[in-house]
Amino acid sequence: MRRLEVLIISDFPTDTIDPIIFEIPNLKRLEFSGCSSSHAPNSIPLMESVTEIWIDHGSLQPIPDFFRSFPNLEIFECSETPTTELPPSFFDLKNIIKIGVYRCPLNKDTLLKIDQAFPEADVSYDPKVPSVPIPKNK
């Protein structure tokens, strides 16, 4: 598994995932698509190689406060989930260039925090979802 760079876990409860996946040394993209659970694994080791996390089309709620384990994250996608807010560690990330929150009912405070923390990031969202569009100060 040393050469594995993308791992997609689809339609699987995240609380039953073997923690060995977090030991893949060259993993760049970690995707949970259609996965459901009320929590992620309790402990995730530092994964500096991961630059993309996709949690989409599922009901993982709330988004786990695990972002300190992924300090080089550039892309975070959580479209089409019931996500209303992002955890505090997300806003400490320094390399975010793209955030996907399409069809997420994010609350106003979270949208404003995204704009303040990542003013240059490409953010995709759906203004028809009950939330407030992200104001861009550009």
N, C-alpha and C. Protein backbone atom coordinates (compact mmCIF):
# COMPACT_ATOMS: atom_id res chain seq x y z
N MET A 1 0.81 -1.20 0.00
CA MET A 1 0.00 0.00 0.00
C MET A 1 0.85 1.26 0.00
N ARG A 2 2.14 1.14 -0.11
CA ARG A 2 3.02 2.31 -0.10
C ARG A 2 2.77 3.23 -1.29
N ARG A 3 2.28 2.70 -2.39
CA ARG A 3 2.07 3.51 -3.59
C ARG A 3 0.66 4.08 -3.69
N LEU A 4 -0.20 3.69 -2.78
CA LEU A 4 -1.58 4.15 -2.78
C LEU A 4 -1.63 5.64 -2.45
N GLU A 5 -2.25 6.43 -3.34
CA GLU A 5 -2.36 7.88 -3.13
C GLU A 5 -3.78 8.34 -2.90
N VAL A 6 -4.77 7.57 -3.38
CA VAL A 6 -6.17 7.94 -3.23
C VAL A 6 -6.91 6.75 -2.62
N LEU A 7 -7.64 7.02 -1.55
CA LEU A 7 -8.45 5.99 -0.92
C LEU A 7 -9.88 6.49 -0.85
N ILE A 8 -10.79 5.76 -1.51
CA ILE A 8 -12.21 6.12 -1.51
C ILE A 8 -12.97 5.04 -0.77
N ILE A 9 -13.64 5.44 0.28
CA ILE A 9 -14.48 4.54 1.06
C ILE A 9 -15.91 4.98 0.79
N SER A 10 -16.71 4.08 0.23
CA SER A 10 -18.04 4.46 -0.20
C SER A 10 -19.12 3.64 0.51
N ASP A 11 -20.15 4.35 0.95
CA ASP A 11 -21.33 3.72 1.55
C ASP A 11 -20.98 2.73 2.65
N PHE A 12 -20.22 3.21 3.61
CA PHE A 12 -19.72 2.37 4.69
C PHE A 12 -19.79 3.17 5.99
N PRO A 13 -20.24 2.57 7.09
CA PRO A 13 -20.25 3.33 8.35
C PRO A 13 -18.84 3.62 8.85
N THR A 14 -18.52 4.88 9.06
CA THR A 14 -17.15 5.26 9.41
C THR A 14 -16.69 4.74 10.77
N ASP A 15 -17.62 4.44 11.65
CA ASP A 15 -17.19 3.95 12.96
C ASP A 15 -16.74 2.49 12.92
N THR A 16 -16.82 1.85 11.75
CA THR A 16 -16.34 0.47 11.62
C THR A 16 -15.09 0.38 10.74
N ILE A 17 -14.55 1.52 10.36
CA ILE A 17 -13.36 1.53 9.51
C ILE A 17 -12.13 1.16 10.32
N ASP A 18 -11.31 0.30 9.75
CA ASP A 18 -10.09 -0.13 10.42
C ASP A 18 -9.10 1.04 10.45
N PRO A 19 -8.57 1.40 11.61
CA PRO A 19 -7.63 2.52 11.73
C PRO A 19 -6.34 2.34 10.92
N ILE A 20 -6.11 1.17 10.37
CA ILE A 20 -4.91 0.93 9.56
C ILE A 20 -4.86 1.88 8.36
N ILE A 21 -6.05 2.34 7.90
CA ILE A 21 -6.04 3.24 6.74
C ILE A 21 -5.29 4.53 7.03
N PHE A 22 -5.20 4.90 8.29
CA PHE A 22 -4.52 6.13 8.65
C PHE A 22 -3.01 5.95 8.74
N GLU A 23 -2.54 4.76 8.38
CA GLU A 23 -1.11 4.48 8.38
C GLU A 23 -0.54 4.37 6.97
N ILE A 24 -1.35 4.68 5.96
CA ILE A 24 -0.89 4.62 4.57
C ILE A 24 0.05 5.81 4.36
N PRO A 25 1.33 5.54 4.05
CA PRO A 25 2.35 6.61 4.09
C PRO A 25 2.25 7.69 3.02
N ASN A 26 1.79 7.39 1.82
CA ASN A 26 1.80 8.38 0.74
C ASN A 26 0.40 8.82 0.31
N LEU A 27 -0.56 8.62 1.18
CA LEU A 27 -1.94 8.95 0.85
C LEU A 27 -2.08 10.46 0.66
N LYS A 28 -2.67 10.85 -0.47
CA LYS A 28 -2.87 12.28 -0.76
C LYS A 28 -4.35 12.67 -0.64
N ARG A 29 -5.22 11.75 -1.04
CA ARG A 29 -6.66 12.06 -1.00
C ARG A 29 -7.39 10.96 -0.24
N LEU A 30 -8.18 11.39 0.73
CA LEU A 30 -8.98 10.50 1.54
C LEU A 30 -10.44 10.89 1.33
N GLU A 31 -11.24 9.94 0.84
CA GLU A 31 -12.63 10.26 0.52
C GLU A 31 -13.58 9.30 1.22
N PHE A 32 -14.57 9.89 1.88
CA PHE A 32 -15.67 9.13 2.47
C PHE A 32 -16.91 9.57 1.73
N SER A 33 -17.40 8.75 0.80
CA SER A 33 -18.54 9.12 -0.03
C SER A 33 -19.75 8.26 0.35
N GLY A 34 -20.80 8.91 0.76
CA GLY A 34 -22.00 8.20 1.13
C GLY A 34 -21.88 7.46 2.45
N CYS A 35 -20.86 7.77 3.21
CA CYS A 35 -20.64 7.10 4.49
C CYS A 35 -21.52 7.73 5.56
N SER A 36 -21.91 6.90 6.50
CA SER A 36 -22.74 7.43 7.58
C SER A 36 -22.17 7.02 8.92
N SER A 37 -22.37 7.87 9.87
CA SER A 37 -21.97 7.61 11.24
C SER A 37 -22.16 8.88 12.03
N SER A 38 -22.16 8.74 13.32
CA SER A 38 -22.24 9.93 14.15
C SER A 38 -20.86 10.35 14.62
N HIS A 39 -19.84 9.56 14.27
CA HIS A 39 -18.48 9.92 14.67
C HIS A 39 -17.44 9.24 13.79
N ALA A 40 -16.28 9.81 13.77
CA ALA A 40 -15.13 9.24 13.06
C ALA A 40 -14.29 8.48 14.08
N PRO A 41 -13.26 7.79 13.62
CA PRO A 41 -12.39 7.10 14.59
C PRO A 41 -11.86 8.08 15.64
N ASN A 42 -11.68 7.57 16.84
CA ASN A 42 -11.27 8.42 17.97
C ASN A 42 -9.92 9.07 17.80
N SER A 43 -8.97 8.36 17.22
CA SER A 43 -7.61 8.88 17.13
C SER A 43 -7.08 8.74 15.72
N ILE A 44 -6.64 9.84 15.15
CA ILE A 44 -6.05 9.84 13.81
C ILE A 44 -4.64 10.39 13.94
N PRO A 45 -3.65 9.61 13.49
CA PRO A 45 -2.28 10.10 13.59
C PRO A 45 -2.01 11.24 12.61
N LEU A 46 -0.92 11.91 12.78
CA LEU A 46 -0.51 12.97 11.87
C LEU A 46 -0.33 12.39 10.47
N MET A 47 -1.00 12.97 9.48
CA MET A 47 -0.93 12.50 8.10
C MET A 47 -0.54 13.69 7.21
N GLU A 48 0.73 14.00 7.17
CA GLU A 48 1.21 15.17 6.44
C GLU A 48 1.06 15.05 4.94
N SER A 49 0.95 13.85 4.40
CA SER A 49 0.86 13.67 2.95
C SER A 49 -0.54 13.97 2.41
N VAL A 50 -1.55 13.96 3.26
CA VAL A 50 -2.93 14.17 2.80
C VAL A 50 -3.16 15.64 2.49
N THR A 51 -3.56 15.91 1.23
CA THR A 51 -3.86 17.28 0.80
C THR A 51 -5.33 17.47 0.47
N GLU A 52 -6.08 16.37 0.40
CA GLU A 52 -7.51 16.46 0.09
C GLU A 52 -8.31 15.52 0.98
N ILE A 53 -9.41 16.03 1.52
CA ILE A 53 -10.38 15.21 2.24
C ILE A 53 -11.74 15.50 1.65
N TRP A 54 -12.43 14.44 1.27
CA TRP A 54 -13.78 14.55 0.73
C TRP A 54 -14.71 13.77 1.64
N ILE A 55 -15.68 14.45 2.19
CA ILE A 55 -16.75 13.81 2.97
C ILE A 55 -18.02 14.29 2.30
N ASP A 56 -18.52 13.52 1.36
CA ASP A 56 -19.67 14.01 0.60
C ASP A 56 -20.76 12.95 0.46
N HIS A 57 -21.95 13.43 0.17
CA HIS A 57 -23.12 12.59 -0.06
C HIS A 57 -23.37 11.62 1.09
N GLY A 58 -23.17 12.07 2.29
CA GLY A 58 -23.39 11.20 3.44
C GLY A 58 -24.00 11.93 4.59
N SER A 59 -24.01 11.26 5.70
CA SER A 59 -24.63 11.88 6.87
C SER A 59 -23.67 11.93 8.06
N LEU A 60 -22.39 12.03 7.76
CA LEU A 60 -21.42 12.17 8.85
C LEU A 60 -21.62 13.53 9.49
N GLN A 61 -22.16 13.53 10.68
CA GLN A 61 -22.52 14.77 11.35
C GLN A 61 -22.32 14.59 12.83
N PRO A 62 -21.63 15.46 13.49
CA PRO A 62 -20.93 16.61 12.92
C PRO A 62 -19.61 16.19 12.26
N ILE A 63 -19.04 17.10 11.48
CA ILE A 63 -17.72 16.86 10.89
C ILE A 63 -16.75 16.73 12.07
N PRO A 64 -15.94 15.67 12.09
CA PRO A 64 -15.03 15.47 13.22
C PRO A 64 -13.99 16.60 13.34
N ASP A 65 -13.59 16.88 14.54
CA ASP A 65 -12.57 17.90 14.80
C ASP A 65 -11.20 17.24 14.69
N PHE A 66 -10.87 16.81 13.47
CA PHE A 66 -9.64 16.03 13.24
C PHE A 66 -8.63 16.73 12.34
N PHE A 67 -8.84 18.00 12.05
CA PHE A 67 -8.01 18.67 11.05
C PHE A 67 -6.56 18.89 11.47
N ARG A 68 -6.27 18.85 12.75
CA ARG A 68 -4.86 18.97 13.18
C ARG A 68 -4.03 17.79 12.69
N SER A 69 -4.69 16.69 12.36
CA SER A 69 -3.99 15.51 11.83
C SER A 69 -3.62 15.69 10.36
N PHE A 70 -4.14 16.73 9.71
CA PHE A 70 -3.91 16.96 8.28
C PHE A 70 -3.40 18.38 8.04
N PRO A 71 -2.20 18.71 8.49
CA PRO A 71 -1.71 20.09 8.44
C PRO A 71 -1.49 20.63 7.02
N ASN A 72 -1.37 19.77 6.03
CA ASN A 72 -1.12 20.22 4.66
C ASN A 72 -2.36 20.16 3.77
N LEU A 73 -3.52 20.09 4.40
CA LEU A 73 -4.76 20.01 3.66
C LEU A 73 -4.96 21.25 2.78
N GLU A 74 -5.27 21.01 1.52
CA GLU A 74 -5.53 22.10 0.57
C GLU A 74 -6.99 22.13 0.13
N ILE A 75 -7.61 20.95 0.04
CA ILE A 75 -8.97 20.86 -0.47
C ILE A 75 -9.82 20.11 0.54
N PHE A 76 -10.94 20.73 0.92
CA PHE A 76 -11.90 20.06 1.79
C PHE A 76 -13.26 20.12 1.14
N GLU A 77 -13.87 18.99 0.98
CA GLU A 77 -15.17 18.86 0.31
C GLU A 77 -16.14 18.17 1.25
N CYS A 78 -17.25 18.82 1.54
CA CYS A 78 -18.29 18.17 2.34
C CYS A 78 -19.67 18.46 1.74
N SER A 79 -19.74 18.52 0.42
CA SER A 79 -20.99 18.83 -0.26
C SER A 79 -22.04 17.75 -0.04
N GLU A 80 -23.27 18.21 -0.06
CA GLU A 80 -24.44 17.35 0.08
C GLU A 80 -24.39 16.51 1.35
N THR A 81 -24.05 17.18 2.43
CA THR A 81 -24.11 16.58 3.76
C THR A 81 -24.97 17.50 4.62
N PRO A 82 -25.42 17.04 5.78
CA PRO A 82 -26.22 17.90 6.65
C PRO A 82 -25.37 18.83 7.52
N THR A 83 -24.16 19.09 7.10
CA THR A 83 -23.23 19.90 7.88
C THR A 83 -23.75 21.32 8.09
N THR A 84 -23.80 21.73 9.35
CA THR A 84 -24.23 23.10 9.66
C THR A 84 -23.07 23.96 10.14
N GLU A 85 -21.99 23.31 10.60
CA GLU A 85 -20.82 24.06 11.04
C GLU A 85 -19.57 23.20 10.88
N LEU A 86 -18.43 23.87 10.86
CA LEU A 86 -17.14 23.19 10.76
C LEU A 86 -16.43 23.33 12.10
N PRO A 87 -15.65 22.31 12.48
CA PRO A 87 -15.00 22.34 13.79
C PRO A 87 -13.88 23.37 13.88
N PRO A 88 -13.51 23.77 15.08
CA PRO A 88 -12.48 24.79 15.27
C PRO A 88 -11.15 24.49 14.59
N SER A 89 -10.71 23.24 14.59
CA SER A 89 -9.40 22.94 13.99
C SER A 89 -9.37 23.20 12.49
N PHE A 90 -10.52 23.21 11.83
CA PHE A 90 -10.56 23.50 10.40
C PHE A 90 -10.03 24.90 10.12
N PHE A 91 -10.38 25.85 10.96
CA PHE A 91 -10.02 27.24 10.73
C PHE A 91 -8.56 27.55 11.06
N ASP A 92 -7.84 26.57 11.59
CA ASP A 92 -6.41 26.73 11.85
C ASP A 92 -5.55 26.29 10.67
N LEU A 93 -6.16 25.70 9.65
CA LEU A 93 -5.41 25.22 8.49
C LEU A 93 -4.82 26.39 7.72
N LYS A 94 -3.62 26.20 7.17
CA LYS A 94 -2.90 27.29 6.51
C LYS A 94 -2.85 27.18 4.99
N ASN A 95 -3.18 26.00 4.43
CA ASN A 95 -2.98 25.79 2.99
C ASN A 95 -4.26 25.60 2.19
N ILE A 96 -5.40 25.91 2.77
CA ILE A 96 -6.68 25.67 2.09
C ILE A 96 -6.80 26.55 0.85
N ILE A 97 -7.09 25.91 -0.30
CA ILE A 97 -7.33 26.65 -1.54
C ILE A 97 -8.73 26.41 -2.10
N LYS A 98 -9.38 25.31 -1.64
CA LYS A 98 -10.72 25.01 -2.14
C LYS A 98 -11.55 24.37 -1.03
N ILE A 99 -12.80 24.88 -0.91
CA ILE A 99 -13.74 24.36 0.07
C ILE A 99 -15.06 24.10 -0.66
N GLY A 100 -15.53 22.87 -0.59
CA GLY A 100 -16.80 22.52 -1.21
C GLY A 100 -17.87 22.32 -0.15
N VAL A 101 -18.84 23.21 -0.13
CA VAL A 101 -19.94 23.10 0.82
C VAL A 101 -21.27 23.22 0.08
N TYR A 102 -21.29 22.72 -1.14
CA TYR A 102 -22.49 22.78 -1.98
C TYR A 102 -23.61 21.96 -1.33
N ARG A 103 -24.77 22.57 -1.22
CA ARG A 103 -25.95 21.93 -0.62
C ARG A 103 -25.74 21.52 0.83
N CYS A 104 -25.02 22.34 1.56
CA CYS A 104 -24.86 22.17 3.01
C CYS A 104 -25.58 23.32 3.69
N PRO A 105 -26.38 23.04 4.68
CA PRO A 105 -27.09 24.11 5.38
C PRO A 105 -26.21 24.78 6.44
N LEU A 106 -25.06 25.30 6.02
CA LEU A 106 -24.14 25.93 6.97
C LEU A 106 -24.78 27.14 7.63
N ASN A 107 -24.48 27.31 8.91
CA ASN A 107 -25.03 28.47 9.60
C ASN A 107 -24.24 29.73 9.24
N LYS A 108 -24.81 30.87 9.53
CA LYS A 108 -24.23 32.16 9.16
C LYS A 108 -22.83 32.35 9.75
N ASP A 109 -22.65 31.99 11.02
CA ASP A 109 -21.34 32.16 11.67
C ASP A 109 -20.25 31.35 10.96
N THR A 110 -20.58 30.14 10.57
CA THR A 110 -19.59 29.31 9.88
C THR A 110 -19.22 29.90 8.53
N LEU A 111 -20.19 30.39 7.81
CA LEU A 111 -19.90 31.02 6.50
C LEU A 111 -19.01 32.25 6.66
N LEU A 112 -19.28 33.04 7.67
CA LEU A 112 -18.45 34.22 7.91
C LEU A 112 -17.03 33.83 8.33
N LYS A 113 -16.91 32.78 9.15
CA LYS A 113 -15.58 32.29 9.55
C LYS A 113 -14.79 31.80 8.34
N ILE A 114 -15.46 31.12 7.42
CA ILE A 114 -14.80 30.64 6.20
C ILE A 114 -14.24 31.82 5.43
N ASP A 115 -15.06 32.84 5.27
CA ASP A 115 -14.63 34.03 4.52
C ASP A 115 -13.46 34.72 5.20
N GLN A 116 -13.47 34.81 6.51
CA GLN A 116 -12.39 35.47 7.24
C GLN A 116 -11.11 34.65 7.26
N ALA A 117 -11.24 33.34 7.44
CA ALA A 117 -10.05 32.48 7.55
C ALA A 117 -9.41 32.18 6.20
N PHE A 118 -10.22 32.13 5.15
CA PHE A 118 -9.72 31.72 3.83
C PHE A 118 -10.22 32.67 2.74
N PRO A 119 -9.84 33.94 2.79
CA PRO A 119 -10.38 34.91 1.83
C PRO A 119 -10.01 34.62 0.38
N GLU A 120 -8.94 33.89 0.13
CA GLU A 120 -8.51 33.60 -1.24
C GLU A 120 -8.98 32.24 -1.73
N ALA A 121 -9.62 31.47 -0.89
CA ALA A 121 -10.04 30.12 -1.27
C ALA A 121 -11.22 30.14 -2.23
N ASP A 122 -11.26 29.15 -3.10
CA ASP A 122 -12.39 28.93 -3.98
C ASP A 122 -13.43 28.17 -3.17
N VAL A 123 -14.59 28.79 -2.93
CA VAL A 123 -15.63 28.18 -2.11
C VAL A 123 -16.86 27.93 -2.96
N SER A 124 -17.31 26.67 -3.00
CA SER A 124 -18.54 26.37 -3.74
C SER A 124 -19.65 26.13 -2.72
N TYR A 125 -20.75 26.79 -2.90
CA TYR A 125 -21.90 26.65 -2.02
C TYR A 125 -23.15 26.91 -2.83
N ASP A 126 -24.29 26.60 -2.27
CA ASP A 126 -25.57 26.78 -2.95
C ASP A 126 -26.39 27.80 -2.16
N PRO A 127 -26.56 29.00 -2.71
CA PRO A 127 -27.30 30.02 -1.97
C PRO A 127 -28.78 29.68 -1.77
N LYS A 128 -29.29 28.64 -2.46
CA LYS A 128 -30.68 28.24 -2.28
C LYS A 128 -30.88 27.44 -0.99
N VAL A 129 -29.80 26.90 -0.47
CA VAL A 129 -29.89 26.16 0.79
C VAL A 129 -30.04 27.17 1.90
N PRO A 130 -30.86 26.86 2.91
CA PRO A 130 -31.08 27.84 3.99
C PRO A 130 -29.81 28.18 4.77
N SER A 131 -29.08 29.11 4.26
CA SER A 131 -27.90 29.65 4.93
C SER A 131 -27.66 31.01 4.31
N VAL A 132 -26.60 31.64 4.68
CA VAL A 132 -26.32 32.98 4.17
C VAL A 132 -25.17 32.90 3.18
N PRO A 133 -25.29 33.50 1.98
CA PRO A 133 -24.17 33.46 1.04
C PRO A 133 -22.93 34.10 1.64
N ILE A 134 -21.79 33.59 1.25
CA ILE A 134 -20.53 34.09 1.77
C ILE A 134 -20.22 35.43 1.11
N PRO A 135 -20.10 36.50 1.91
CA PRO A 135 -19.73 37.78 1.32
C PRO A 135 -18.25 37.78 0.97
N LYS A 136 -17.91 38.27 -0.19
CA LYS A 136 -16.51 38.33 -0.60
C LYS A 136 -16.04 39.78 -0.55
N ASN A 137 -15.01 40.01 0.25
CA ASN A 137 -14.45 41.34 0.41
C ASN A 137 -13.29 41.52 -0.56
N LYS A 138 -13.55 41.59 -1.81
CA LYS A 138 -12.48 41.71 -2.81
C LYS A 138 -12.68 42.91 -3.67
